Amino acid sequence: MTKRSITSEEIKKIATISKLSALDDKMDRFSNQFTRIFDYSFQFDNIDISHVKSLLNALDQANDSKPDEPQPSITQKLVSKNEPNINGIFFSSTGGD
């Protein structure tokens, strides 16, 4: 496993993506912490999982979905039946309750 330090530029990029403010005076601390986190996570690359059976579903259930076939749609008349605020074919806003 090759150790690599996380640079200040990478920390700034992570902070920007995460919408966090990265203070320049704490860059060494952040670099050390990120490096330790990534080094720890890279340990998982060395675990032998060749004997582990693939898991497709945590509940061991099959996907019981219906075939994708066209179904009749609900009509505009039925949709607007219980709506008093119709403007032509559109729903109208009442301005709140």
N, C-alpha and C. Protein backbone atom coordinates (compact mmCIF):
# COMPACT_ATOMS: atom_id res chain seq x y z
N MET A 1 0.85 -1.18 0.00
CA MET A 1 0.00 0.00 0.00
C MET A 1 0.89 1.24 0.00
N THR A 2 0.67 2.11 -0.97
CA THR A 2 1.44 3.34 -1.09
C THR A 2 0.73 4.44 -0.32
N LYS A 3 1.45 5.07 0.61
CA LYS A 3 0.87 6.19 1.35
C LYS A 3 1.07 7.46 0.54
N ARG A 4 0.04 8.28 0.56
CA ARG A 4 0.09 9.54 -0.17
C ARG A 4 -0.60 10.59 0.67
N SER A 5 0.04 11.73 0.81
CA SER A 5 -0.56 12.82 1.57
C SER A 5 -1.59 13.54 0.72
N ILE A 6 -2.66 13.97 1.36
CA ILE A 6 -3.69 14.75 0.70
C ILE A 6 -3.20 16.20 0.67
N THR A 7 -3.19 16.80 -0.50
CA THR A 7 -2.64 18.14 -0.66
C THR A 7 -3.66 19.21 -0.25
N SER A 8 -3.17 20.42 -0.05
CA SER A 8 -4.02 21.56 0.28
C SER A 8 -5.02 21.83 -0.83
N GLU A 9 -4.61 21.67 -2.08
CA GLU A 9 -5.51 21.88 -3.21
C GLU A 9 -6.65 20.86 -3.20
N GLU A 10 -6.33 19.61 -2.86
CA GLU A 10 -7.36 18.58 -2.78
C GLU A 10 -8.34 18.88 -1.64
N ILE A 11 -7.81 19.37 -0.53
CA ILE A 11 -8.67 19.73 0.60
C ILE A 11 -9.60 20.88 0.22
N LYS A 12 -9.07 21.86 -0.49
CA LYS A 12 -9.90 22.99 -0.93
C LYS A 12 -11.00 22.51 -1.88
N LYS A 13 -10.66 21.57 -2.75
CA LYS A 13 -11.65 21.02 -3.68
C LYS A 13 -12.74 20.26 -2.92
N ILE A 14 -12.33 19.44 -1.95
CA ILE A 14 -13.29 18.70 -1.12
C ILE A 14 -14.18 19.68 -0.37
N ALA A 15 -13.59 20.73 0.18
CA ALA A 15 -14.35 21.73 0.93
C ALA A 15 -15.36 22.43 0.02
N THR A 16 -14.94 22.75 -1.20
CA THR A 16 -15.84 23.43 -2.14
C THR A 16 -17.00 22.52 -2.51
N ILE A 17 -16.71 21.28 -2.83
CA ILE A 17 -17.76 20.31 -3.20
C ILE A 17 -18.71 20.10 -2.03
N SER A 18 -18.17 20.07 -0.81
CA SER A 18 -18.97 19.84 0.39
C SER A 18 -19.62 21.10 0.93
N LYS A 19 -19.34 22.23 0.26
CA LYS A 19 -19.84 23.54 0.70
C LYS A 19 -19.39 23.87 2.13
N LEU A 20 -18.12 23.56 2.38
CA LEU A 20 -17.51 23.88 3.67
C LEU A 20 -16.44 24.94 3.45
N SER A 21 -16.17 25.70 4.46
CA SER A 21 -15.09 26.67 4.34
C SER A 21 -13.82 26.05 4.90
N ALA A 22 -12.79 26.02 4.08
CA ALA A 22 -11.51 25.46 4.51
C ALA A 22 -10.58 26.62 4.85
N LEU A 23 -10.20 26.69 6.08
CA LEU A 23 -9.33 27.76 6.53
C LEU A 23 -7.87 27.38 6.28
N ASP A 24 -7.13 28.30 5.67
CA ASP A 24 -5.75 28.03 5.31
C ASP A 24 -4.88 27.67 6.51
N ASP A 25 -5.18 28.25 7.68
CA ASP A 25 -4.34 27.98 8.84
C ASP A 25 -4.56 26.57 9.41
N LYS A 26 -5.56 25.87 8.92
CA LYS A 26 -5.82 24.50 9.41
C LYS A 26 -5.52 23.45 8.35
N MET A 27 -4.89 23.85 7.24
CA MET A 27 -4.63 22.92 6.15
C MET A 27 -3.76 21.74 6.57
N ASP A 28 -2.74 21.97 7.37
CA ASP A 28 -1.88 20.87 7.81
C ASP A 28 -2.68 19.86 8.62
N ARG A 29 -3.53 20.35 9.49
CA ARG A 29 -4.37 19.46 10.32
C ARG A 29 -5.33 18.67 9.44
N PHE A 30 -6.01 19.37 8.49
CA PHE A 30 -6.94 18.69 7.60
C PHE A 30 -6.21 17.67 6.73
N SER A 31 -5.04 18.03 6.24
CA SER A 31 -4.27 17.12 5.40
C SER A 31 -3.93 15.85 6.16
N ASN A 32 -3.49 15.99 7.40
CA ASN A 32 -3.16 14.84 8.23
C ASN A 32 -4.39 13.97 8.48
N GLN A 33 -5.51 14.60 8.81
CA GLN A 33 -6.73 13.85 9.09
C GLN A 33 -7.24 13.11 7.86
N PHE A 34 -7.30 13.80 6.71
CA PHE A 34 -7.75 13.15 5.49
C PHE A 34 -6.82 12.02 5.09
N THR A 35 -5.52 12.23 5.22
CA THR A 35 -4.56 11.19 4.88
C THR A 35 -4.79 9.96 5.74
N ARG A 36 -5.00 10.15 7.03
CA ARG A 36 -5.25 9.01 7.93
C ARG A 36 -6.54 8.30 7.57
N ILE A 37 -7.58 9.06 7.23
CA ILE A 37 -8.87 8.45 6.86
C ILE A 37 -8.71 7.62 5.59
N PHE A 38 -8.07 8.20 4.56
CA PHE A 38 -7.89 7.48 3.31
C PHE A 38 -6.98 6.27 3.47
N ASP A 39 -5.91 6.41 4.25
CA ASP A 39 -5.03 5.27 4.50
C ASP A 39 -5.81 4.13 5.16
N TYR A 40 -6.66 4.48 6.10
CA TYR A 40 -7.46 3.46 6.78
C TYR A 40 -8.41 2.79 5.78
N SER A 41 -9.07 3.58 4.95
CA SER A 41 -10.03 3.00 4.00
C SER A 41 -9.34 2.14 2.95
N PHE A 42 -8.10 2.46 2.59
CA PHE A 42 -7.38 1.67 1.60
C PHE A 42 -7.00 0.29 2.13
N GLN A 43 -7.07 0.08 3.43
CA GLN A 43 -6.81 -1.25 3.99
C GLN A 43 -7.82 -2.27 3.47
N PHE A 44 -9.02 -1.80 3.12
CA PHE A 44 -10.04 -2.71 2.62
C PHE A 44 -9.66 -3.30 1.26
N ASP A 45 -8.78 -2.63 0.53
CA ASP A 45 -8.33 -3.15 -0.76
C ASP A 45 -7.54 -4.45 -0.59
N ASN A 46 -6.99 -4.69 0.59
CA ASN A 46 -6.15 -5.86 0.82
C ASN A 46 -6.91 -7.05 1.40
N ILE A 47 -8.22 -6.91 1.57
CA ILE A 47 -9.01 -8.01 2.13
C ILE A 47 -9.37 -8.99 1.02
N ASP A 48 -9.12 -10.27 1.28
CA ASP A 48 -9.44 -11.32 0.31
C ASP A 48 -10.93 -11.66 0.42
N ILE A 49 -11.68 -11.31 -0.61
CA ILE A 49 -13.12 -11.60 -0.60
C ILE A 49 -13.49 -12.61 -1.69
N SER A 50 -12.49 -13.33 -2.19
CA SER A 50 -12.74 -14.28 -3.27
C SER A 50 -13.66 -15.42 -2.84
N HIS A 51 -13.73 -15.71 -1.56
CA HIS A 51 -14.58 -16.79 -1.07
C HIS A 51 -15.98 -16.32 -0.67
N VAL A 52 -16.24 -15.01 -0.78
CA VAL A 52 -17.53 -14.45 -0.36
C VAL A 52 -18.50 -14.50 -1.52
N LYS A 53 -19.67 -15.06 -1.26
CA LYS A 53 -20.71 -15.17 -2.29
C LYS A 53 -21.34 -13.79 -2.50
N SER A 54 -21.60 -13.46 -3.75
CA SER A 54 -22.22 -12.17 -4.08
C SER A 54 -23.61 -12.10 -3.47
N LEU A 55 -23.96 -10.93 -2.99
CA LEU A 55 -25.27 -10.71 -2.39
C LEU A 55 -26.02 -9.71 -3.26
N LEU A 56 -27.13 -10.15 -3.83
CA LEU A 56 -27.91 -9.29 -4.69
C LEU A 56 -29.01 -8.56 -3.94
N ASN A 57 -29.46 -9.13 -2.83
CA ASN A 57 -30.54 -8.53 -2.06
C ASN A 57 -30.33 -8.89 -0.60
N ALA A 58 -30.33 -7.92 0.26
CA ALA A 58 -30.09 -8.17 1.68
C ALA A 58 -31.17 -9.04 2.30
N LEU A 59 -32.35 -9.05 1.72
CA LEU A 59 -33.45 -9.85 2.27
C LEU A 59 -33.60 -11.19 1.56
N ASP A 60 -32.72 -11.46 0.61
CA ASP A 60 -32.75 -12.71 -0.14
C ASP A 60 -34.11 -12.95 -0.79
N GLN A 61 -34.67 -11.90 -1.40
CA GLN A 61 -35.94 -11.99 -2.08
C GLN A 61 -35.75 -11.68 -3.55
N ALA A 62 -36.60 -12.27 -4.37
CA ALA A 62 -36.55 -12.00 -5.80
C ALA A 62 -37.36 -10.75 -6.11
N ASN A 63 -37.01 -10.08 -7.19
CA ASN A 63 -37.75 -8.91 -7.63
C ASN A 63 -39.04 -9.40 -8.28
N ASP A 64 -40.16 -9.11 -7.66
CA ASP A 64 -41.45 -9.59 -8.14
C ASP A 64 -42.20 -8.45 -8.80
N SER A 65 -41.69 -7.99 -9.93
CA SER A 65 -42.31 -6.85 -10.59
C SER A 65 -43.22 -7.32 -11.73
N LYS A 66 -44.19 -6.46 -12.04
CA LYS A 66 -45.11 -6.75 -13.14
C LYS A 66 -44.41 -6.46 -14.46
N PRO A 67 -44.88 -7.10 -15.52
CA PRO A 67 -44.33 -6.75 -16.83
C PRO A 67 -44.72 -5.31 -17.18
N ASP A 68 -43.86 -4.65 -17.93
CA ASP A 68 -44.10 -3.27 -18.32
C ASP A 68 -45.04 -3.25 -19.52
N GLU A 69 -46.33 -3.10 -19.25
CA GLU A 69 -47.33 -3.08 -20.30
C GLU A 69 -48.16 -1.80 -20.17
N PRO A 70 -48.55 -1.22 -21.30
CA PRO A 70 -49.36 -0.01 -21.24
C PRO A 70 -50.69 -0.27 -20.53
N GLN A 71 -51.10 0.68 -19.72
CA GLN A 71 -52.37 0.60 -19.00
C GLN A 71 -53.18 1.83 -19.34
N PRO A 72 -54.51 1.75 -19.25
CA PRO A 72 -55.32 2.93 -19.54
C PRO A 72 -55.03 4.03 -18.52
N SER A 73 -54.99 5.27 -19.01
CA SER A 73 -54.73 6.41 -18.15
C SER A 73 -56.02 6.92 -17.53
N ILE A 74 -55.86 7.67 -16.45
CA ILE A 74 -57.01 8.30 -15.82
C ILE A 74 -57.42 9.49 -16.69
N THR A 75 -58.69 9.72 -16.82
CA THR A 75 -59.17 10.78 -17.71
C THR A 75 -59.08 12.14 -17.05
N GLN A 76 -59.02 13.18 -17.87
CA GLN A 76 -58.97 14.56 -17.37
C GLN A 76 -60.24 14.88 -16.59
N LYS A 77 -61.35 14.39 -17.07
CA LYS A 77 -62.64 14.63 -16.42
C LYS A 77 -62.64 14.03 -15.01
N LEU A 78 -62.13 12.82 -14.87
CA LEU A 78 -62.08 12.16 -13.56
C LEU A 78 -61.11 12.88 -12.62
N VAL A 79 -59.98 13.33 -13.16
CA VAL A 79 -58.99 14.04 -12.34
C VAL A 79 -59.58 15.33 -11.79
N SER A 80 -60.30 16.06 -12.63
CA SER A 80 -60.81 17.37 -12.22
C SER A 80 -62.16 17.30 -11.51
N LYS A 81 -62.69 16.12 -11.33
CA LYS A 81 -64.01 15.93 -10.73
C LYS A 81 -64.14 16.57 -9.35
N ASN A 82 -63.14 16.44 -8.50
CA ASN A 82 -63.21 16.95 -7.14
C ASN A 82 -62.38 18.22 -6.93
N GLU A 83 -61.97 18.85 -8.00
CA GLU A 83 -61.16 20.06 -7.90
C GLU A 83 -61.97 21.27 -8.34
N PRO A 84 -62.30 22.17 -7.42
CA PRO A 84 -63.13 23.32 -7.78
C PRO A 84 -62.37 24.41 -8.53
N ASN A 85 -61.05 24.41 -8.46
CA ASN A 85 -60.25 25.48 -9.07
C ASN A 85 -59.63 25.03 -10.38
N ILE A 86 -60.46 24.89 -11.40
CA ILE A 86 -59.99 24.50 -12.73
C ILE A 86 -60.13 25.71 -13.64
N ASN A 87 -59.05 25.98 -14.38
CA ASN A 87 -59.06 27.08 -15.34
C ASN A 87 -58.83 26.45 -16.71
N GLY A 88 -59.89 26.16 -17.41
CA GLY A 88 -59.78 25.45 -18.69
C GLY A 88 -59.35 24.03 -18.42
N ILE A 89 -58.14 23.68 -18.82
CA ILE A 89 -57.62 22.34 -18.57
C ILE A 89 -56.55 22.32 -17.47
N PHE A 90 -56.35 23.47 -16.81
CA PHE A 90 -55.30 23.61 -15.80
C PHE A 90 -55.88 23.77 -14.41
N PHE A 91 -55.13 23.32 -13.39
CA PHE A 91 -55.48 23.57 -12.01
C PHE A 91 -55.11 25.02 -11.70
N SER A 92 -55.94 25.72 -10.95
CA SER A 92 -55.66 27.10 -10.56
C SER A 92 -55.25 27.13 -9.11
N SER A 93 -54.34 28.04 -8.80
CA SER A 93 -53.90 28.22 -7.43
C SER A 93 -54.91 29.09 -6.68
N THR A 94 -55.19 28.69 -5.45
CA THR A 94 -56.13 29.47 -4.62
C THR A 94 -55.39 30.44 -3.74
N GLY A 95 -54.08 30.42 -3.72
CA GLY A 95 -53.29 31.35 -2.89
C GLY A 95 -53.06 30.83 -1.50
N GLY A 96 -53.32 29.56 -1.22
CA GLY A 96 -53.06 29.00 0.10
C GLY A 96 -54.34 28.66 0.83
N ASP A 97 -54.18 27.97 1.93
CA ASP A 97 -55.35 27.54 2.73
C ASP A 97 -55.70 28.54 3.79
